[in-house]
Amino acid sequence: MEPIADDASPPVVARVTVEPLGVTIEVRDGEDLLEAAQRLNYRWPNVCNGQAECATCRLKMISAVPEQAPPNQLEQAAIRRYAFSADSRLACQLHPLGDLRVFKAGVRVVDPGAANSWQPGGEVGLS
């Protein structure tokens, strides 16, 4: 039996370069930037898991081609609540329309081995 090609993945619609880390994240159709980063094993700082409540995933837009869609209602509310500058967006709400460059401190590569190494009750030296 021959392997089946994985053509079910949505196409890549944008490549987002994240500074200062200098990595490029490929965002698929239907994904926001936070989801794409997590799919590719990057830790993008966030607390509310994409609900636009904490604004921890806020980034600064450096350049975008083409221009991006305006913020949705959830993002607009966060922008008002936290008084963001015009070049700020939330990664959890940003669905890129094309390639862009952003600044977000704290983005890190996740070590796949370390992500699952801790187990409850596995603490050393506690009794």
Protein backbone atom coordinates (compact mmCIF):
# COMPACT_ATOMS: atom_id res chain seq x y z
CA MET A 1 0.00 0.00 0.00
CA GLU A 2 1.42 3.39 -1.00
CA PRO A 3 1.44 6.32 1.45
CA ILE A 4 -1.26 8.90 0.88
CA ALA A 5 0.01 12.41 0.15
CA ASP A 6 -1.01 14.99 2.75
CA ASP A 7 -2.80 17.42 0.45
CA ALA A 8 -5.41 18.15 3.12
CA SER A 9 -3.35 20.92 4.74
CA PRO A 10 -4.60 24.40 3.88
CA PRO A 11 -2.25 26.45 1.69
CA VAL A 12 0.27 28.87 3.16
CA VAL A 13 -1.09 32.42 2.78
CA ALA A 14 1.65 34.40 4.53
CA ARG A 15 5.20 34.22 5.75
CA VAL A 16 5.72 36.22 8.94
CA THR A 17 9.27 37.14 9.94
CA VAL A 18 9.48 37.56 13.71
CA GLU A 19 12.17 39.87 15.12
CA PRO A 20 14.38 39.80 17.13
CA LEU A 21 14.41 35.98 16.87
CA GLY A 22 14.74 36.21 13.09
CA VAL A 23 12.51 33.23 12.25
CA THR A 24 9.85 33.00 9.56
CA ILE A 25 6.51 31.44 10.42
CA GLU A 26 4.35 30.13 7.60
CA VAL A 27 0.68 30.87 8.27
CA ARG A 28 -1.92 28.64 6.63
CA ASP A 29 -5.30 29.72 5.36
CA GLY A 30 -7.70 30.07 8.32
CA GLU A 31 -4.97 30.30 10.98
CA ASP A 32 -4.13 33.27 13.13
CA LEU A 33 -0.47 34.01 13.79
CA LEU A 34 -0.55 32.52 17.32
CA GLU A 35 -1.97 29.21 16.03
CA ALA A 36 0.65 29.04 13.28
CA ALA A 37 3.48 29.69 15.75
CA GLN A 38 2.23 26.96 18.08
CA ARG A 39 1.80 24.49 15.20
CA LEU A 40 5.45 25.08 14.28
CA ASN A 41 6.66 24.59 17.88
CA TYR A 42 7.25 28.22 18.78
CA ARG A 43 6.28 29.55 22.19
CA TRP A 44 4.50 32.84 21.60
CA PRO A 45 3.82 34.59 24.90
CA ASN A 46 0.11 34.45 25.73
CA VAL A 47 -2.10 33.86 28.75
CA CYS A 48 -5.70 33.73 27.51
CA ASN A 49 -5.19 31.15 24.73
CA GLY A 50 -6.38 33.32 21.89
CA GLN A 51 -9.36 35.07 23.49
CA ALA A 52 -8.02 38.66 23.01
CA GLU A 53 -8.36 39.25 26.76
CA CYS A 54 -4.81 39.45 28.11
CA ALA A 55 -3.00 41.23 25.23
CA THR A 56 0.17 39.30 26.11
CA CYS A 57 0.50 38.24 22.46
CA ARG A 58 0.65 41.86 21.27
CA LEU A 59 3.17 42.51 18.53
CA LYS A 60 4.46 45.53 16.65
CA MET A 61 3.97 45.58 12.90
CA ILE A 62 7.21 46.50 11.12
CA SER A 63 6.14 46.01 7.52
CA ALA A 64 3.31 44.31 5.69
CA VAL A 65 2.67 43.53 2.03
CA PRO A 66 -0.19 43.73 1.24
CA GLU A 67 -1.86 45.82 3.91
CA GLN A 68 -3.53 43.61 6.51
CA ALA A 69 -7.22 43.38 7.35
CA PRO A 70 -8.35 45.78 10.08
CA PRO A 71 -8.72 44.46 13.65
CA ASN A 72 -11.89 42.48 14.38
CA GLN A 73 -14.26 43.43 17.24
CA LEU A 74 -12.36 41.45 19.91
CA GLU A 75 -9.07 43.02 18.90
CA GLN A 76 -10.60 46.50 18.68
CA ALA A 77 -11.86 46.15 22.25
CA ALA A 78 -8.38 45.15 23.44
CA ILE A 79 -6.80 48.05 21.54
CA ARG A 80 -9.16 50.48 23.30
CA ARG A 81 -8.75 48.82 26.73
CA TYR A 82 -4.94 48.82 26.63
CA ALA A 83 -4.48 52.00 24.52
CA PHE A 84 -2.23 50.32 21.93
CA SER A 85 -0.39 52.31 19.31
CA ALA A 86 -1.63 52.08 15.71
CA ASP A 87 1.17 49.65 14.74
CA SER A 88 0.22 47.09 17.43
CA ARG A 89 -1.83 43.94 16.77
CA LEU A 90 -2.72 40.78 18.66
CA ALA A 91 -1.16 37.59 17.27
CA CYS A 92 -4.21 35.62 18.42
CA GLN A 93 -6.50 37.68 16.18
CA LEU A 94 -4.23 38.50 13.24
CA HIS A 95 -4.99 36.45 10.12
CA PRO A 96 -2.25 37.67 7.75
CA LEU A 97 -3.25 38.44 4.17
CA GLY A 98 0.34 38.36 2.94
CA ASP A 99 3.93 38.46 4.06
CA LEU A 100 4.88 40.70 6.95
CA ARG A 101 7.58 41.48 9.46
CA VAL A 102 6.78 41.93 13.14
CA PHE A 103 8.58 42.56 16.41
CA LYS A 104 7.70 40.39 19.41
CA ALA A 105 10.12 39.80 22.27
CA GLY A 106 9.86 36.48 24.05
CA VAL A 107 9.09 34.20 21.09
CA ARG A 108 11.11 31.01 21.56
CA VAL A 109 11.59 27.65 19.91
CA VAL A 110 9.99 24.90 21.99
CA ASP A 111 12.13 21.85 22.69
CA PRO A 112 9.73 19.03 21.72
CA GLY A 113 11.40 16.64 24.17
CA ALA A 114 11.08 19.05 27.07
CA ALA A 115 7.45 19.94 26.39
CA ASN A 116 6.22 16.56 27.62
CA SER A 117 8.97 15.68 30.05
CA TRP A 118 7.24 16.97 33.20
CA GLN A 119 4.57 14.75 34.67
CA PRO A 120 2.45 15.52 37.74
CA GLY A 121 3.89 13.75 40.75
CA GLY A 122 7.29 13.53 39.10
CA GLU A 123 8.88 16.26 41.19
CA VAL A 124 12.32 15.43 42.53
CA GLY A 125 13.15 16.00 46.17
CA LEU A 126 9.60 16.55 47.38
CA SER A 127 8.15 14.22 49.93
